[in-house]
Amino acid sequence: MVVAYAIARDRGGRVLLVRRADDGNWELPGGRVEVGETMSAAVRREVFEEAGITIALTGVSGIYSDPEHIVVYPIEGARQQVAVCLHARVVQAGERARPDGDD
């Protein structure tokens, strides 16, 4: 499963983090790349859904995968994630987040 995350910084250099609804942990905003969606579109969509913030992508941080990090979904079953982490800058902040029910 391919997922995309953003290291989004504001003008002050602060990094945007979002709090997970399921366990309360803080993490970079991001999520699954949907079928037919580009990596860049997916990460911009996810950041907007989770934080209500529009970003501009500025580079690639890295591609990460851990064979021991397995995510089990009720329908799809067990999946190993491949995460692409992208650098970004905040373009527009202040809108309310629109969680999709999974966030």
C-alpha atoms as a PDB file:
ATOM      1  CA  MET A   1       0.000   0.000   0.000  1.00  0.00           C
ATOM      2  CA  VAL A   2       1.403   3.368  -1.001  1.00  0.00           C
ATOM      3  CA  VAL A   3       0.897   6.320   1.343  1.00  0.00           C
ATOM      4  CA  ALA A   4       2.069   9.921   1.099  1.00  0.00           C
ATOM      5  CA  TYR A   5       2.974  12.280   3.944  1.00  0.00           C
ATOM      6  CA  ALA A   6       3.996  15.940   4.004  1.00  0.00           C
ATOM      7  CA  ILE A   7       6.563  17.771   6.071  1.00  0.00           C
ATOM      8  CA  ALA A   8       4.720  21.074   5.732  1.00  0.00           C
ATOM      9  CA  ARG A   9       6.436  24.138   7.194  1.00  0.00           C
ATOM     10  CA  ASP A  10       5.009  27.591   7.757  1.00  0.00           C
ATOM     11  CA  ARG A  11       6.980  30.823   7.284  1.00  0.00           C
ATOM     12  CA  GLY A  12       8.358  30.448  10.800  1.00  0.00           C
ATOM     13  CA  GLY A  13       9.730  26.988  10.008  1.00  0.00           C
ATOM     14  CA  ARG A  14       7.233  25.170  12.241  1.00  0.00           C
ATOM     15  CA  VAL A  15       6.214  21.689  11.051  1.00  0.00           C
ATOM     16  CA  LEU A  16       2.523  20.829  10.797  1.00  0.00           C
ATOM     17  CA  LEU A  17       1.438  17.797  12.837  1.00  0.00           C
ATOM     18  CA  VAL A  18      -2.041  16.316  13.188  1.00  0.00           C
ATOM     19  CA  ARG A  19      -3.426  14.271  16.072  1.00  0.00           C
ATOM     20  CA  ARG A  20      -4.782  10.842  15.202  1.00  0.00           C
ATOM     21  CA  ALA A  21      -8.409  10.222  16.147  1.00  0.00           C
ATOM     22  CA  ASP A  22      -7.823   6.536  16.976  1.00  0.00           C
ATOM     23  CA  ASP A  23      -4.878   6.688  19.392  1.00  0.00           C
ATOM     24  CA  GLY A  24      -4.248  10.395  20.059  1.00  0.00           C
ATOM     25  CA  ASN A  25      -0.670  10.280  18.734  1.00  0.00           C
ATOM     26  CA  TRP A  26       0.764  13.169  16.717  1.00  0.00           C
ATOM     27  CA  GLU A  27       2.001  12.541  13.172  1.00  0.00           C
ATOM     28  CA  LEU A  28       2.682  14.158   9.826  1.00  0.00           C
ATOM     29  CA  PRO A  29      -0.509  14.602   7.796  1.00  0.00           C
ATOM     30  CA  GLY A  30      -0.996  12.155   4.964  1.00  0.00           C
ATOM     31  CA  GLY A  31      -2.600   8.926   3.910  1.00  0.00           C
ATOM     32  CA  ARG A  32      -3.342   6.505   1.098  1.00  0.00           C
ATOM     33  CA  VAL A  33      -2.834   7.255  -2.546  1.00  0.00           C
ATOM     34  CA  GLU A  34      -6.169   6.387  -4.157  1.00  0.00           C
ATOM     35  CA  VAL A  35      -6.463   4.500  -7.445  1.00  0.00           C
ATOM     36  CA  GLY A  36      -6.065   6.941 -10.344  1.00  0.00           C
ATOM     37  CA  GLU A  37      -4.530   9.658  -8.142  1.00  0.00           C
ATOM     38  CA  THR A  38      -1.019  11.059  -8.392  1.00  0.00           C
ATOM     39  CA  MET A  39       1.265  11.090  -5.364  1.00  0.00           C
ATOM     40  CA  SER A  40       1.289  14.901  -5.288  1.00  0.00           C
ATOM     41  CA  ALA A  41      -2.497  15.155  -5.558  1.00  0.00           C
ATOM     42  CA  ALA A  42      -2.914  12.581  -2.786  1.00  0.00           C
ATOM     43  CA  VAL A  43      -0.684  14.373  -0.294  1.00  0.00           C
ATOM     44  CA  ARG A  44      -2.287  17.769  -1.017  1.00  0.00           C
ATOM     45  CA  ARG A  45      -5.752  16.222  -0.588  1.00  0.00           C
ATOM     46  CA  GLU A  46      -4.840  14.446   2.639  1.00  0.00           C
ATOM     47  CA  VAL A  47      -3.281  17.566   4.211  1.00  0.00           C
ATOM     48  CA  PHE A  48      -6.369  19.590   3.330  1.00  0.00           C
ATOM     49  CA  GLU A  49      -8.752  16.907   4.656  1.00  0.00           C
ATOM     50  CA  GLU A  50      -6.850  16.453   7.903  1.00  0.00           C
ATOM     51  CA  ALA A  51      -5.774  20.032   8.650  1.00  0.00           C
ATOM     52  CA  GLY A  52      -7.720  22.363   6.346  1.00  0.00           C
ATOM     53  CA  ILE A  53      -4.436  23.683   4.966  1.00  0.00           C
ATOM     54  CA  THR A  54      -3.387  24.138   1.355  1.00  0.00           C
ATOM     55  CA  ILE A  55       0.244  23.256   0.607  1.00  0.00           C
ATOM     56  CA  ALA A  56       2.737  23.595  -2.224  1.00  0.00           C
ATOM     57  CA  LEU A  57       5.170  20.719  -2.659  1.00  0.00           C
ATOM     58  CA  THR A  58       8.850  21.648  -2.669  1.00  0.00           C
ATOM     59  CA  GLY A  59      10.767  18.367  -2.699  1.00  0.00           C
ATOM     60  CA  VAL A  60      11.107  14.762  -1.640  1.00  0.00           C
ATOM     61  CA  SER A  61      12.282  13.827   1.838  1.00  0.00           C
ATOM     62  CA  GLY A  62      12.455  10.102   1.203  1.00  0.00           C
ATOM     63  CA  ILE A  63      10.776   6.787   0.558  1.00  0.00           C
ATOM     64  CA  TYR A  64      10.350   4.579   3.592  1.00  0.00           C
ATOM     65  CA  SER A  65       9.333   0.971   4.126  1.00  0.00           C
ATOM     66  CA  ASP A  66       9.638  -1.374   7.078  1.00  0.00           C
ATOM     67  CA  PRO A  67       8.778  -5.059   6.555  1.00  0.00           C
ATOM     68  CA  GLU A  68       7.770  -5.264  10.217  1.00  0.00           C
ATOM     69  CA  HIS A  69       5.270  -2.373   9.925  1.00  0.00           C
ATOM     70  CA  ILE A  70       2.142  -4.234   8.845  1.00  0.00           C
ATOM     71  CA  VAL A  71      -1.277  -2.586   8.839  1.00  0.00           C
ATOM     72  CA  VAL A  72      -4.331  -4.861   9.009  1.00  0.00           C
ATOM     73  CA  TYR A  73      -7.588  -3.565   7.530  1.00  0.00           C
ATOM     74  CA  PRO A  74     -10.963  -5.277   8.052  1.00  0.00           C
ATOM     75  CA  ILE A  75     -11.666  -5.707   4.325  1.00  0.00           C
ATOM     76  CA  GLU A  76      -8.285  -5.552   2.575  1.00  0.00           C
ATOM     77  CA  GLY A  77      -6.412  -7.617   5.152  1.00  0.00           C
ATOM     78  CA  ALA A  78      -2.723  -7.207   5.980  1.00  0.00           C
ATOM     79  CA  ARG A  79      -0.699  -4.661   4.030  1.00  0.00           C
ATOM     80  CA  GLN A  80       2.886  -3.424   4.209  1.00  0.00           C
ATOM     81  CA  GLN A  81       3.141   0.325   3.712  1.00  0.00           C
ATOM     82  CA  VAL A  82       5.497   2.125   1.395  1.00  0.00           C
ATOM     83  CA  ALA A  83       5.539   5.764   2.495  1.00  0.00           C
ATOM     84  CA  VAL A  84       6.667   8.682   0.361  1.00  0.00           C
ATOM     85  CA  CYS A  85       7.425  11.754   2.444  1.00  0.00           C
ATOM     86  CA  LEU A  86       7.405  15.122   0.665  1.00  0.00           C
ATOM     87  CA  HIS A  87       8.602  18.565   1.743  1.00  0.00           C
ATOM     88  CA  ALA A  88       5.995  21.324   1.449  1.00  0.00           C
ATOM     89  CA  ARG A  89       5.267  24.884   2.431  1.00  0.00           C
ATOM     90  CA  VAL A  90       1.954  26.165   3.747  1.00  0.00           C
ATOM     91  CA  VAL A  91       0.171  28.252   1.113  1.00  0.00           C
ATOM     92  CA  GLN A  92      -3.109  28.926   2.878  1.00  0.00           C
ATOM     93  CA  ALA A  93      -4.065  28.177   6.458  1.00  0.00           C
ATOM     94  CA  GLY A  94      -7.092  28.838   8.596  1.00  0.00           C
ATOM     95  CA  GLU A  95      -9.790  26.791   6.919  1.00  0.00           C
ATOM     96  CA  ARG A  96     -11.552  24.172   8.965  1.00  0.00           C
ATOM     97  CA  ALA A  97     -10.433  20.597   8.447  1.00  0.00           C
ATOM     98  CA  ARG A  98     -12.891  18.268   6.783  1.00  0.00           C
ATOM     99  CA  PRO A  99     -12.116  14.783   8.121  1.00  0.00           C
ATOM    100  CA  ASP A 100     -13.443  11.988   5.953  1.00  0.00           C
ATOM    101  CA  GLY A 101     -14.456   9.769   8.864  1.00  0.00           C
ATOM    102  CA  ASP A 102     -11.245   7.721   8.794  1.00  0.00           C
ATOM    103  CA  ASP A 103      -9.038  10.569  10.071  1.00  0.00           C
END
